[in-house]
Amino acid sequence: MNDRRGFTLIEVMVVVAIIVTILSIAVPFYTTAMVRAKESVLQSNLFTMRSVIDQFTYDKEEPPQSLDELVSEGYLREVPLDPFTESRDTWQMINDAGPTGESGLYDVRSGSDRTALNGTSYSEW
């Protein structure tokens, strides 16, 4: 009596085809979800830094000269990480005369050259 156990080649190929089909559907959704999560972090970091810049300017009656000044004065624990460049040093500082007329850090933007899911550049946010 032949008592072989195992799967036939056809059964294995059907299972592999099903797995490949599921992966081909899931991977693009996963990739998009990861980009959306990074975009959300970027928006949150920009909102926080802009709020802190405004609060510093209001409190001190002059704008900060750098993000490091916000950290040293206790307005931020640390400079946030740009989720797309994965660096704290790539933020683009917008130095201008703020509402008080003093020259200093007025705004901050991402240093990334990538394009967002909505078609705009992250450096324009």
PDB file of N, CA and C in Angstrom:
ATOM      1  N   MET A   1       0.831  -1.171   0.000  1.00  0.00           N
ATOM      2  CA  MET A   1       0.000   0.000   0.000  1.00  0.00           C
ATOM      3  C   MET A   1       0.883   1.244   0.000  1.00  0.00           C
ATOM      4  N   ASN A   2       0.562   2.167  -0.875  1.00  0.00           N
ATOM      5  CA  ASN A   2       1.298   3.421  -1.020  1.00  0.00           C
ATOM      6  C   ASN A   2       0.695   4.460  -0.085  1.00  0.00           C
ATOM      7  N   ASP A   3       1.392   4.811   1.005  1.00  0.00           N
ATOM      8  CA  ASP A   3       0.860   5.769   1.987  1.00  0.00           C
ATOM      9  C   ASP A   3       1.718   7.038   1.989  1.00  0.00           C
ATOM     10  N   ARG A   4       1.724   7.765   0.887  1.00  0.00           N
ATOM     11  CA  ARG A   4       2.492   9.009   0.787  1.00  0.00           C
ATOM     12  C   ARG A   4       1.652  10.173   1.295  1.00  0.00           C
ATOM     13  N   ARG A   5       2.337  11.045   2.014  1.00  0.00           N
ATOM     14  CA  ARG A   5       1.650  12.229   2.519  1.00  0.00           C
ATOM     15  C   ARG A   5       2.322  13.464   1.930  1.00  0.00           C
ATOM     16  N   GLY A   6       1.561  14.521   1.738  1.00  0.00           N
ATOM     17  CA  GLY A   6       2.113  15.750   1.185  1.00  0.00           C
ATOM     18  C   GLY A   6       1.124  16.396   0.237  1.00  0.00           C
ATOM     19  N   PHE A   7       1.614  17.462  -0.403  1.00  0.00           N
ATOM     20  CA  PHE A   7       0.779  18.215  -1.325  1.00  0.00           C
ATOM     21  C   PHE A   7       1.244  17.971  -2.747  1.00  0.00           C
ATOM     22  N   THR A   8       0.315  18.051  -3.649  1.00  0.00           N
ATOM     23  CA  THR A   8       0.680  17.930  -5.061  1.00  0.00           C
ATOM     24  C   THR A   8       1.193  19.279  -5.539  1.00  0.00           C
ATOM     25  N   LEU A   9       1.861  19.261  -6.658  1.00  0.00           N
ATOM     26  CA  LEU A   9       2.405  20.488  -7.232  1.00  0.00           C
ATOM     27  C   LEU A   9       1.284  21.482  -7.548  1.00  0.00           C
ATOM     28  N   ILE A  10       0.183  21.011  -8.012  1.00  0.00           N
ATOM     29  CA  ILE A  10      -0.962  21.876  -8.333  1.00  0.00           C
ATOM     30  C   ILE A  10      -1.475  22.575  -7.079  1.00  0.00           C
ATOM     31  N   GLU A  11      -1.597  21.854  -5.977  1.00  0.00           N
ATOM     32  CA  GLU A  11      -2.076  22.459  -4.729  1.00  0.00           C
ATOM     33  C   GLU A  11      -1.128  23.549  -4.249  1.00  0.00           C
ATOM     34  N   VAL A  12       0.155  23.287  -4.310  1.00  0.00           N
ATOM     35  CA  VAL A  12       1.152  24.284  -3.894  1.00  0.00           C
ATOM     36  C   VAL A  12       1.077  25.510  -4.802  1.00  0.00           C
ATOM     37  N   MET A  13       0.946  25.302  -6.103  1.00  0.00           N
ATOM     38  CA  MET A  13       0.864  26.433  -7.032  1.00  0.00           C
ATOM     39  C   MET A  13      -0.393  27.264  -6.800  1.00  0.00           C
ATOM     40  N   VAL A  14      -1.508  26.648  -6.468  1.00  0.00           N
ATOM     41  CA  VAL A  14      -2.744  27.384  -6.180  1.00  0.00           C
ATOM     42  C   VAL A  14      -2.558  28.234  -4.927  1.00  0.00           C
ATOM     43  N   VAL A  15      -1.961  27.678  -3.889  1.00  0.00           N
ATOM     44  CA  VAL A  15      -1.734  28.433  -2.649  1.00  0.00           C
ATOM     45  C   VAL A  15      -0.790  29.602  -2.898  1.00  0.00           C
ATOM     46  N   VAL A  16       0.287  29.388  -3.636  1.00  0.00           N
ATOM     47  CA  VAL A  16       1.224  30.469  -3.954  1.00  0.00           C
ATOM     48  C   VAL A  16       0.531  31.548  -4.774  1.00  0.00           C
ATOM     49  N   ALA A  17      -0.286  31.180  -5.723  1.00  0.00           N
ATOM     50  CA  ALA A  17      -1.013  32.159  -6.535  1.00  0.00           C
ATOM     51  C   ALA A  17      -1.953  32.992  -5.674  1.00  0.00           C
ATOM     52  N   ILE A  18      -2.619  32.377  -4.720  1.00  0.00           N
ATOM     53  CA  ILE A  18      -3.507  33.116  -3.809  1.00  0.00           C
ATOM     54  C   ILE A  18      -2.711  34.089  -2.957  1.00  0.00           C
ATOM     55  N   ILE A  19      -1.576  33.653  -2.435  1.00  0.00           N
ATOM     56  CA  ILE A  19      -0.741  34.529  -1.605  1.00  0.00           C
ATOM     57  C   ILE A  19      -0.221  35.710  -2.423  1.00  0.00           C
ATOM     58  N   VAL A  20       0.232  35.469  -3.627  1.00  0.00           N
ATOM     59  CA  VAL A  20       0.734  36.549  -4.489  1.00  0.00           C
ATOM     60  C   VAL A  20      -0.381  37.536  -4.806  1.00  0.00           C
ATOM     61  N   THR A  21      -1.572  37.051  -5.049  1.00  0.00           N
ATOM     62  CA  THR A  21      -2.703  37.932  -5.337  1.00  0.00           C
ATOM     63  C   THR A  21      -3.027  38.815  -4.137  1.00  0.00           C
ATOM     64  N   ILE A  22      -3.044  38.228  -2.961  1.00  0.00           N
ATOM     65  CA  ILE A  22      -3.325  39.002  -1.738  1.00  0.00           C
ATOM     66  C   ILE A  22      -2.238  40.048  -1.512  1.00  0.00           C
ATOM     67  N   LEU A  23      -0.980  39.668  -1.697  1.00  0.00           N
ATOM     68  CA  LEU A  23       0.120  40.626  -1.514  1.00  0.00           C
ATOM     69  C   LEU A  23       0.063  41.750  -2.537  1.00  0.00           C
ATOM     70  N   SER A  24      -0.292  41.430  -3.767  1.00  0.00           N
ATOM     71  CA  SER A  24      -0.343  42.474  -4.794  1.00  0.00           C
ATOM     72  C   SER A  24      -1.442  43.494  -4.502  1.00  0.00           C
ATOM     73  N   ILE A  25      -2.438  43.096  -3.742  1.00  0.00           N
ATOM     74  CA  ILE A  25      -3.494  44.023  -3.339  1.00  0.00           C
ATOM     75  C   ILE A  25      -3.085  44.782  -2.074  1.00  0.00           C
ATOM     76  N   ALA A  26      -2.447  44.105  -1.130  1.00  0.00           N
ATOM     77  CA  ALA A  26      -2.153  44.694   0.178  1.00  0.00           C
ATOM     78  C   ALA A  26      -0.979  45.660   0.165  1.00  0.00           C
ATOM     79  N   VAL A  27       0.065  45.382  -0.604  1.00  0.00           N
ATOM     80  CA  VAL A  27       1.280  46.200  -0.570  1.00  0.00           C
ATOM     81  C   VAL A  27       1.018  47.657  -0.963  1.00  0.00           C
ATOM     82  N   PRO A  28       0.285  47.950  -2.031  1.00  0.00           N
ATOM     83  CA  PRO A  28       0.027  49.369  -2.345  1.00  0.00           C
ATOM     84  C   PRO A  28      -0.760  50.087  -1.240  1.00  0.00           C
ATOM     85  N   PHE A  29      -1.699  49.408  -0.615  1.00  0.00           N
ATOM     86  CA  PHE A  29      -2.442  50.020   0.487  1.00  0.00           C
ATOM     87  C   PHE A  29      -1.513  50.308   1.661  1.00  0.00           C
ATOM     88  N   TYR A  30      -0.613  49.381   1.945  1.00  0.00           N
ATOM     89  CA  TYR A  30       0.342  49.552   3.045  1.00  0.00           C
ATOM     90  C   TYR A  30       1.270  50.731   2.761  1.00  0.00           C
ATOM     91  N   THR A  31       1.784  50.799   1.546  1.00  0.00           N
ATOM     92  CA  THR A  31       2.689  51.880   1.174  1.00  0.00           C
ATOM     93  C   THR A  31       2.003  53.237   1.285  1.00  0.00           C
ATOM     94  N   THR A  32       0.787  53.333   0.796  1.00  0.00           N
ATOM     95  CA  THR A  32       0.033  54.583   0.888  1.00  0.00           C
ATOM     96  C   THR A  32      -0.250  54.942   2.342  1.00  0.00           C
ATOM     97  N   ALA A  33      -0.572  53.955   3.148  1.00  0.00           N
ATOM     98  CA  ALA A  33      -0.840  54.212   4.567  1.00  0.00           C
ATOM     99  C   ALA A  33       0.410  54.736   5.268  1.00  0.00           C
ATOM    100  N   MET A  34       1.574  54.209   4.916  1.00  0.00           N
ATOM    101  CA  MET A  34       2.818  54.685   5.529  1.00  0.00           C
ATOM    102  C   MET A  34       3.106  56.131   5.136  1.00  0.00           C
ATOM    103  N   VAL A  35       2.871  56.481   3.880  1.00  0.00           N
ATOM    104  CA  VAL A  35       3.093  57.862   3.431  1.00  0.00           C
ATOM    105  C   VAL A  35       2.105  58.795   4.124  1.00  0.00           C
ATOM    106  N   ARG A  36       0.855  58.374   4.237  1.00  0.00           N
ATOM    107  CA  ARG A  36      -0.145  59.209   4.928  1.00  0.00           C
ATOM    108  C   ARG A  36       0.235  59.424   6.395  1.00  0.00           C
ATOM    109  N   ALA A  37       0.771  58.401   7.030  1.00  0.00           N
ATOM    110  CA  ALA A  37       1.201  58.540   8.423  1.00  0.00           C
ATOM    111  C   ALA A  37       2.347  59.544   8.536  1.00  0.00           C
ATOM    112  N   LYS A  38       3.316  59.476   7.621  1.00  0.00           N
ATOM    113  CA  LYS A  38       4.421  60.437   7.635  1.00  0.00           C
ATOM    114  C   LYS A  38       3.921  61.850   7.360  1.00  0.00           C
ATOM    115  N   GLU A  39       2.953  61.982   6.454  1.00  0.00           N
ATOM    116  CA  GLU A  39       2.381  63.299   6.172  1.00  0.00           C
ATOM    117  C   GLU A  39       1.693  63.862   7.409  1.00  0.00           C
ATOM    118  N   SER A  40       1.012  63.014   8.142  1.00  0.00           N
ATOM    119  CA  SER A  40       0.338  63.447   9.366  1.00  0.00           C
ATOM    120  C   SER A  40       1.353  63.918  10.403  1.00  0.00           C
ATOM    121  N   VAL A  41       2.455  63.190  10.534  1.00  0.00           N
ATOM    122  CA  VAL A  41       3.510  63.587  11.470  1.00  0.00           C
ATOM    123  C   VAL A  41       4.118  64.917  11.039  1.00  0.00           C
ATOM    124  N   LEU A  42       4.365  65.080   9.745  1.00  0.00           N
ATOM    125  CA  LEU A  42       4.917  66.339   9.242  1.00  0.00           C
ATOM    126  C   LEU A  42       3.981  67.506   9.538  1.00  0.00           C
ATOM    127  N   GLN A  43       2.688  67.336   9.272  1.00  0.00           N
ATOM    128  CA  GLN A  43       1.726  68.403   9.554  1.00  0.00           C
ATOM    129  C   GLN A  43       1.712  68.744  11.044  1.00  0.00           C
ATOM    130  N   SER A  44       1.756  67.737  11.879  1.00  0.00           N
ATOM    131  CA  SER A  44       1.755  67.969  13.321  1.00  0.00           C
ATOM    132  C   SER A  44       3.027  68.702  13.762  1.00  0.00           C
ATOM    133  N   ASN A  45       4.183  68.266  13.255  1.00  0.00           N
ATOM    134  CA  ASN A  45       5.443  68.922  13.611  1.00  0.00           C
ATOM    135  C   ASN A  45       5.461  70.377  13.157  1.00  0.00           C
ATOM    136  N   LEU A  46       4.983  70.626  11.936  1.00  0.00           N
ATOM    137  CA  LEU A  46       4.950  72.000  11.444  1.00  0.00           C
ATOM    138  C   LEU A  46       4.007  72.865  12.274  1.00  0.00           C
ATOM    139  N   PHE A  47       2.842  72.330  12.600  1.00  0.00           N
ATOM    140  CA  PHE A  47       1.883  73.078  13.421  1.00  0.00           C
ATOM    141  C   PHE A  47       2.490  73.418  14.777  1.00  0.00           C
ATOM    142  N   THR A  48       3.143  72.436  15.397  1.00  0.00           N
ATOM    143  CA  THR A  48       3.748  72.663  16.713  1.00  0.00           C
ATOM    144  C   THR A  48       4.856  73.705  16.637  1.00  0.00           C
ATOM    145  N   MET A  49       5.752  73.574  15.659  1.00  0.00           N
ATOM    146  CA  MET A  49       6.855  74.531  15.568  1.00  0.00           C
ATOM    147  C   MET A  49       6.360  75.936  15.258  1.00  0.00           C
ATOM    148  N   ARG A  50       5.364  76.040  14.394  1.00  0.00           N
ATOM    149  CA  ARG A  50       4.829  77.368  14.079  1.00  0.00           C
ATOM    150  C   ARG A  50       4.148  77.985  15.289  1.00  0.00           C
ATOM    151  N   SER A  51       3.439  77.179  16.052  1.00  0.00           N
ATOM    152  CA  SER A  51       2.794  77.678  17.277  1.00  0.00           C
ATOM    153  C   SER A  51       3.837  78.140  18.283  1.00  0.00           C
ATOM    154  N   VAL A  52       4.900  77.369  18.413  1.00  0.00           N
ATOM    155  CA  VAL A  52       5.961  77.713  19.360  1.00  0.00           C
ATOM    156  C   VAL A  52       6.697  78.977  18.913  1.00  0.00           C
ATOM    157  N   ILE A  53       6.936  79.111  17.613  1.00  0.00           N
ATOM    158  CA  ILE A  53       7.576  80.335  17.100  1.00  0.00           C
ATOM    159  C   ILE A  53       6.702  81.547  17.427  1.00  0.00           C
ATOM    160  N   ASP A  54       5.405  81.423  17.206  1.00  0.00           N
ATOM    161  CA  ASP A  54       4.484  82.524  17.523  1.00  0.00           C
ATOM    162  C   ASP A  54       4.473  82.828  19.020  1.00  0.00           C
ATOM    163  N   GLN A  55       4.452  81.785  19.847  1.00  0.00           N
ATOM    164  CA  GLN A  55       4.428  81.987  21.300  1.00  0.00           C
ATOM    165  C   GLN A  55       5.723  82.644  21.775  1.00  0.00           C
ATOM    166  N   PHE A  56       6.856  82.200  21.258  1.00  0.00           N
ATOM    167  CA  PHE A  56       8.144  82.797  21.603  1.00  0.00           C
ATOM    168  C   PHE A  56       8.155  84.275  21.222  1.00  0.00           C
ATOM    169  N   THR A  57       7.698  84.560  19.993  1.00  0.00           N
ATOM    170  CA  THR A  57       7.676  85.943  19.510  1.00  0.00           C
ATOM    171  C   THR A  57       6.770  86.809  20.378  1.00  0.00           C
ATOM    172  N   TYR A  58       5.647  86.258  20.791  1.00  0.00           N
ATOM    173  CA  TYR A  58       4.726  86.996  21.654  1.00  0.00           C
ATOM    174  C   TYR A  58       5.347  87.239  23.027  1.00  0.00           C
ATOM    175  N   ASP A  59       5.951  86.203  23.607  1.00  0.00           N
ATOM    176  CA  ASP A  59       6.533  86.314  24.954  1.00  0.00           C
ATOM    177  C   ASP A  59       7.742  87.233  24.994  1.00  0.00           C
ATOM    178  N   LYS A  60       8.656  87.072  24.059  1.00  0.00           N
ATOM    179  CA  LYS A  60       9.932  87.798  24.081  1.00  0.00           C
ATOM    180  C   LYS A  60       9.890  89.102  23.297  1.00  0.00           C
ATOM    181  N   GLU A  61       8.794  89.325  22.564  1.00  0.00           N
ATOM    182  CA  GLU A  61       8.627  90.505  21.724  1.00  0.00           C
ATOM    183  C   GLU A  61       9.689  90.615  20.632  1.00  0.00           C
ATOM    184  N   GLU A  62      10.250  89.485  20.261  1.00  0.00           N
ATOM    185  CA  GLU A  62      11.148  89.376  19.111  1.00  0.00           C
ATOM    186  C   GLU A  62      11.170  87.919  18.679  1.00  0.00           C
ATOM    187  N   PRO A  63      11.316  87.662  17.398  1.00  0.00           N
ATOM    188  CA  PRO A  63      11.287  86.271  16.923  1.00  0.00           C
ATOM    189  C   PRO A  63      12.573  85.533  17.293  1.00  0.00           C
ATOM    190  N   PRO A  64      12.499  84.215  17.388  1.00  0.00           N
ATOM    191  CA  PRO A  64      13.722  83.441  17.650  1.00  0.00           C
ATOM    192  C   PRO A  64      14.651  83.514  16.444  1.00  0.00           C
ATOM    193  N   GLN A  65      15.924  83.278  16.678  1.00  0.00           N
ATOM    194  CA  GLN A  65      16.892  83.312  15.586  1.00  0.00           C
ATOM    195  C   GLN A  65      17.114  81.931  14.975  1.00  0.00           C
ATOM    196  N   SER A  66      16.709  80.879  15.710  1.00  0.00           N
ATOM    197  CA  SER A  66      16.880  79.512  15.203  1.00  0.00           C
ATOM    198  C   SER A  66      15.961  78.571  15.980  1.00  0.00           C
ATOM    199  N   LEU A  67      15.843  77.352  15.491  1.00  0.00           N
ATOM    200  CA  LEU A  67      15.077  76.342  16.217  1.00  0.00           C
ATOM    201  C   LEU A  67      15.794  75.940  17.499  1.00  0.00           C
ATOM    202  N   ASP A  68      17.124  75.989  17.471  1.00  0.00           N
ATOM    203  CA  ASP A  68      17.892  75.652  18.678  1.00  0.00           C
ATOM    204  C   ASP A  68      17.609  76.633  19.814  1.00  0.00           C
ATOM    205  N   GLU A  69      17.321  77.870  19.485  1.00  0.00           N
ATOM    206  CA  GLU A  69      16.970  78.848  20.513  1.00  0.00           C
ATOM    207  C   GLU A  69      15.649  78.477  21.182  1.00  0.00           C
ATOM    208  N   LEU A  70      14.719  77.928  20.407  1.00  0.00           N
ATOM    209  CA  LEU A  70      13.447  77.471  20.979  1.00  0.00           C
ATOM    210  C   LEU A  70      13.684  76.330  21.969  1.00  0.00           C
ATOM    211  N   VAL A  71      14.651  75.478  21.676  1.00  0.00           N
ATOM    212  CA  VAL A  71      14.984  74.375  22.576  1.00  0.00           C
ATOM    213  C   VAL A  71      15.672  74.913  23.823  1.00  0.00           C
ATOM    214  N   SER A  72      16.659  75.791  23.645  1.00  0.00           N
ATOM    215  CA  SER A  72      17.410  76.304  24.798  1.00  0.00           C
ATOM    216  C   SER A  72      16.543  77.150  25.725  1.00  0.00           C
ATOM    217  N   GLU A  73      15.507  77.787  25.188  1.00  0.00           N
ATOM    218  CA  GLU A  73      14.607  78.598  26.009  1.00  0.00           C
ATOM    219  C   GLU A  73      13.462  77.776  26.600  1.00  0.00           C
ATOM    220  N   GLY A  74      13.400  76.490  26.282  1.00  0.00           N
ATOM    221  CA  GLY A  74      12.398  75.617  26.879  1.00  0.00           C
ATOM    222  C   GLY A  74      11.054  75.572  26.159  1.00  0.00           C
ATOM    223  N   TYR A  75      10.982  76.112  24.967  1.00  0.00           N
ATOM    224  CA  TYR A  75       9.726  76.080  24.217  1.00  0.00           C
ATOM    225  C   TYR A  75       9.528  74.731  23.518  1.00  0.00           C
ATOM    226  N   LEU A  76      10.628  74.054  23.212  1.00  0.00           N
ATOM    227  CA  LEU A  76      10.610  72.707  22.651  1.00  0.00           C
ATOM    228  C   LEU A  76      11.583  71.847  23.446  1.00  0.00           C
ATOM    229  N   ARG A  77      11.275  70.564  23.612  1.00  0.00           N
ATOM    230  CA  ARG A  77      12.235  69.654  24.241  1.00  0.00           C
ATOM    231  C   ARG A  77      13.410  69.396  23.320  1.00  0.00           C
ATOM    232  N   GLU A  78      13.083  69.190  22.047  1.00  0.00           N
ATOM    233  CA  GLU A  78      14.108  68.986  21.023  1.00  0.00           C
ATOM    234  C   GLU A  78      13.507  69.366  19.682  1.00  0.00           C
ATOM    235  N   VAL A  79      14.374  69.629  18.721  1.00  0.00           N
ATOM    236  CA  VAL A  79      13.904  69.936  17.379  1.00  0.00           C
ATOM    237  C   VAL A  79      13.297  68.653  16.815  1.00  0.00           C
ATOM    238  N   PRO A  80      12.064  68.718  16.317  1.00  0.00           N
ATOM    239  CA  PRO A  80      11.430  67.507  15.793  1.00  0.00           C
ATOM    240  C   PRO A  80      12.142  66.954  14.566  1.00  0.00           C
ATOM    241  N   LEU A  81      11.936  65.688  14.340  1.00  0.00           N
ATOM    242  CA  LEU A  81      12.492  65.001  13.184  1.00  0.00           C
ATOM    243  C   LEU A  81      11.581  65.232  11.980  1.00  0.00           C
ATOM    244  N   ASP A  82      12.171  65.597  10.855  1.00  0.00           N
ATOM    245  CA  ASP A  82      11.398  65.689   9.618  1.00  0.00           C
ATOM    246  C   ASP A  82      11.185  64.252   9.143  1.00  0.00           C
ATOM    247  N   PRO A  83       9.933  63.778   9.075  1.00  0.00           N
ATOM    248  CA  PRO A  83       9.706  62.368   8.765  1.00  0.00           C
ATOM    249  C   PRO A  83      10.126  61.942   7.356  1.00  0.00           C
ATOM    250  N   PHE A  84      10.279  62.873   6.437  1.00  0.00           N
ATOM    251  CA  PHE A  84      10.650  62.498   5.077  1.00  0.00           C
ATOM    252  C   PHE A  84      12.156  62.563   4.851  1.00  0.00           C
ATOM    253  N   THR A  85      12.852  63.440   5.520  1.00  0.00           N
ATOM    254  CA  THR A  85      14.310  63.485   5.398  1.00  0.00           C
ATOM    255  C   THR A  85      14.967  62.706   6.529  1.00  0.00           C
ATOM    256  N   GLU A  86      14.183  62.375   7.548  1.00  0.00           N
ATOM    257  CA  GLU A  86      14.649  61.646   8.735  1.00  0.00           C
ATOM    258  C   GLU A  86      15.835  62.353   9.382  1.00  0.00           C
ATOM    259  N   SER A  87      15.751  63.676   9.441  1.00  0.00           N
ATOM    260  CA  SER A  87      16.810  64.484  10.027  1.00  0.00           C
ATOM    261  C   SER A  87      16.207  65.674  10.754  1.00  0.00           C
ATOM    262  N   ARG A  88      16.914  66.158  11.747  1.00  0.00           N
ATOM    263  CA  ARG A  88      16.509  67.361  12.469  1.00  0.00           C
ATOM    264  C   ARG A  88      17.151  68.612  11.848  1.00  0.00           C
ATOM    265  N   ASP A  89      18.106  68.412  10.950  1.00  0.00           N
ATOM    266  CA  ASP A  89      18.893  69.520  10.408  1.00  0.00           C
ATOM    267  C   ASP A  89      18.432  70.007   9.042  1.00  0.00           C
ATOM    268  N   THR A  90      17.400  69.399   8.480  1.00  0.00           N
ATOM    269  CA  THR A  90      17.007  69.762   7.110  1.00  0.00           C
ATOM    270  C   THR A  90      15.820  70.716   7.057  1.00  0.00           C
ATOM    271  N   TRP A  91      15.311  71.150   8.197  1.00  0.00           N
ATOM    272  CA  TRP A  91      14.199  72.101   8.185  1.00  0.00           C
ATOM    273  C   TRP A  91      14.641  73.374   7.482  1.00  0.00           C
ATOM    274  N   GLN A  92      13.771  73.916   6.657  1.00  0.00           N
ATOM    275  CA  GLN A  92      14.055  75.160   5.947  1.00  0.00           C
ATOM    276  C   GLN A  92      13.510  76.328   6.776  1.00  0.00           C
ATOM    277  N   MET A  93      14.406  77.188   7.223  1.00  0.00           N
ATOM    278  CA  MET A  93      14.017  78.336   8.033  1.00  0.00           C
ATOM    279  C   MET A  93      13.619  79.493   7.123  1.00  0.00           C
ATOM    280  N   ILE A  94      12.500  80.097   7.438  1.00  0.00           N
ATOM    281  CA  ILE A  94      12.053  81.287   6.725  1.00  0.00           C
ATOM    282  C   ILE A  94      12.330  82.464   7.654  1.00  0.00           C
ATOM    283  N   ASN A  95      13.400  83.173   7.351  1.00  0.00           N
ATOM    284  CA  ASN A  95      13.775  84.341   8.151  1.00  0.00           C
ATOM    285  C   ASN A  95      13.213  85.575   7.484  1.00  0.00           C
ATOM    286  N   ASP A  96      12.506  86.353   8.288  1.00  0.00           N
ATOM    287  CA  ASP A  96      11.845  87.531   7.750  1.00  0.00           C
ATOM    288  C   ASP A  96      11.528  88.429   8.938  1.00  0.00           C
ATOM    289  N   ALA A  97      11.073  89.589   8.645  1.00  0.00           N
ATOM    290  CA  ALA A  97      10.593  90.466   9.703  1.00  0.00           C
ATOM    291  C   ALA A  97       9.201  89.991  10.089  1.00  0.00           C
ATOM    292  N   GLY A  98       9.041  89.627  11.326  1.00  0.00           N
ATOM    293  CA  GLY A  98       7.753  89.153  11.807  1.00  0.00           C
ATOM    294  C   GLY A  98       6.815  90.289  12.123  1.00  0.00           C
ATOM    295  N   PRO A  99       5.749  90.000  12.863  1.00  0.00           N
ATOM    296  CA  PRO A  99       4.759  91.030  13.173  1.00  0.00           C
ATOM    297  C   PRO A  99       5.324  92.183  13.997  1.00  0.00           C
ATOM    298  N   THR A 100       6.410  91.925  14.716  1.00  0.00           N
ATOM    299  CA  THR A 100       6.996  92.986  15.545  1.00  0.00           C
ATOM    300  C   THR A 100       7.974  93.846  14.762  1.00  0.00           C
ATOM    301  N   GLY A 101       8.302  93.440  13.541  1.00  0.00           N
ATOM    302  CA  GLY A 101       9.267  94.190  12.743  1.00  0.00           C
ATOM    303  C   GLY A 101      10.694  93.713  12.946  1.00  0.00           C
ATOM    304  N   GLU A 102      10.926  92.880  13.954  1.00  0.00           N
ATOM    305  CA  GLU A 102      12.256  92.341  14.226  1.00  0.00           C
ATOM    306  C   GLU A 102      12.558  91.230  13.227  1.00  0.00           C
ATOM    307  N   SER A 103      13.809  91.117  12.819  1.00  0.00           N
ATOM    308  CA  SER A 103      14.212  90.067  11.898  1.00  0.00           C
ATOM    309  C   SER A 103      14.529  88.795  12.683  1.00  0.00           C
ATOM    310  N   GLY A 104      14.093  87.657  12.145  1.00  0.00           N
ATOM    311  CA  GLY A 104      14.365  86.385  12.805  1.00  0.00           C
ATOM    312  C   GLY A 104      13.574  85.270  12.158  1.00  0.00           C
ATOM    313  N   LEU A 105      13.496  84.147  12.856  1.00  0.00           N
ATOM    314  CA  LEU A 105      12.786  82.978  12.359  1.00  0.00           C
ATOM    315  C   LEU A 105      11.287  83.254  12.385  1.00  0.00           C
ATOM    316  N   TYR A 106      10.708  83.252  11.213  1.00  0.00           N
ATOM    317  CA  TYR A 106       9.297  83.591  11.076  1.00  0.00           C
ATOM    318  C   TYR A 106       8.445  82.368  10.759  1.00  0.00           C
ATOM    319  N   ASP A 107       9.023  81.411  10.018  1.00  0.00           N
ATOM    320  CA  ASP A 107       8.291  80.209   9.621  1.00  0.00           C
ATOM    321  C   ASP A 107       9.296  79.095   9.380  1.00  0.00           C
ATOM    322  N   VAL A 108       8.795  77.877   9.291  1.00  0.00           N
ATOM    323  CA  VAL A 108       9.643  76.713   9.046  1.00  0.00           C
ATOM    324  C   VAL A 108       8.913  75.782   8.081  1.00  0.00           C
ATOM    325  N   ARG A 109       9.684  75.137   7.217  1.00  0.00           N
ATOM    326  CA  ARG A 109       9.122  74.204   6.240  1.00  0.00           C
ATOM    327  C   ARG A 109      10.002  72.974   6.151  1.00  0.00           C
ATOM    328  N   SER A 110       9.450  71.932   5.553  1.00  0.00           N
ATOM    329  CA  SER A 110      10.197  70.691   5.387  1.00  0.00           C
ATOM    330  C   SER A 110      11.314  70.873   4.370  1.00  0.00           C
ATOM    331  N   GLY A 111      12.406  70.184   4.590  1.00  0.00           N
ATOM    332  CA  GLY A 111      13.519  70.217   3.654  1.00  0.00           C
ATOM    333  C   GLY A 111      13.424  69.140   2.594  1.00  0.00           C
ATOM    334  N   SER A 112      12.341  68.408   2.575  1.00  0.00           N
ATOM    335  CA  SER A 112      12.167  67.319   1.611  1.00  0.00           C
ATOM    336  C   SER A 112      11.865  67.853   0.225  1.00  0.00           C
ATOM    337  N   ASP A 113      12.388  67.168  -0.784  1.00  0.00           N
ATOM    338  CA  ASP A 113      12.091  67.550  -2.162  1.00  0.00           C
ATOM    339  C   ASP A 113      11.039  66.630  -2.776  1.00  0.00           C
ATOM    340  N   ARG A 114      10.419  65.807  -1.951  1.00  0.00           N
ATOM    341  CA  ARG A 114       9.407  64.865  -2.431  1.00  0.00           C
ATOM    342  C   ARG A 114       8.053  65.553  -2.616  1.00  0.00           C
ATOM    343  N   THR A 115       7.176  64.871  -3.331  1.00  0.00           N
ATOM    344  CA  THR A 115       5.838  65.384  -3.595  1.00  0.00           C
ATOM    345  C   THR A 115       4.823  64.619  -2.760  1.00  0.00           C
ATOM    346  N   ALA A 116       3.883  65.335  -2.195  1.00  0.00           N
ATOM    347  CA  ALA A 116       2.855  64.742  -1.342  1.00  0.00           C
ATOM    348  C   ALA A 116       1.835  63.978  -2.180  1.00  0.00           C
ATOM    349  N   LEU A 117       1.014  63.204  -1.494  1.00  0.00           N
ATOM    350  CA  LEU A 117      -0.031  62.449  -2.176  1.00  0.00           C
ATOM    351  C   LEU A 117      -1.038  63.363  -2.869  1.00  0.00           C
ATOM    352  N   ASN A 118      -1.199  64.591  -2.360  1.00  0.00           N
ATOM    353  CA  ASN A 118      -2.139  65.520  -2.990  1.00  0.00           C
ATOM    354  C   ASN A 118      -1.504  66.317  -4.127  1.00  0.00           C
ATOM    355  N   GLY A 119      -0.233  66.032  -4.448  1.00  0.00           N
ATOM    356  CA  GLY A 119       0.423  66.672  -5.589  1.00  0.00           C
ATOM    357  C   GLY A 119       1.258  67.890  -5.262  1.00  0.00           C
ATOM    358  N   THR A 120       1.196  68.376  -4.027  1.00  0.00           N
ATOM    359  CA  THR A 120       2.017  69.535  -3.653  1.00  0.00           C
ATOM    360  C   THR A 120       3.362  69.059  -3.128  1.00  0.00           C
ATOM    361  N   SER A 121       4.299  69.943  -3.084  1.00  0.00           N
ATOM    362  CA  SER A 121       5.630  69.638  -2.556  1.00  0.00           C
ATOM    363  C   SER A 121       5.597  69.789  -1.037  1.00  0.00           C
ATOM    364  N   TYR A 122       6.272  68.887  -0.324  1.00  0.00           N
ATOM    365  CA  TYR A 122       6.316  68.993   1.136  1.00  0.00           C
ATOM    366  C   TYR A 122       6.990  70.295   1.583  1.00  0.00           C
ATOM    367  N   SER A 123       7.882  70.816   0.758  1.00  0.00           N
ATOM    368  CA  SER A 123       8.549  72.058   1.121  1.00  0.00           C
ATOM    369  C   SER A 123       7.645  73.273   0.992  1.00  0.00           C
ATOM    370  N   GLU A 124       6.425  73.094   0.478  1.00  0.00           N
ATOM    371  CA  GLU A 124       5.464  74.197   0.383  1.00  0.00           C
ATOM    372  C   GLU A 124       4.464  74.180   1.540  1.00  0.00           C
ATOM    373  N   TRP A 125       4.489  73.148   2.351  1.00  0.00           N
ATOM    374  CA  TRP A 125       3.514  73.048   3.441  1.00  0.00           C
ATOM    375  C   TRP A 125       3.811  74.051   4.518  1.00  0.00           C
TER     376      TRP A 125
END
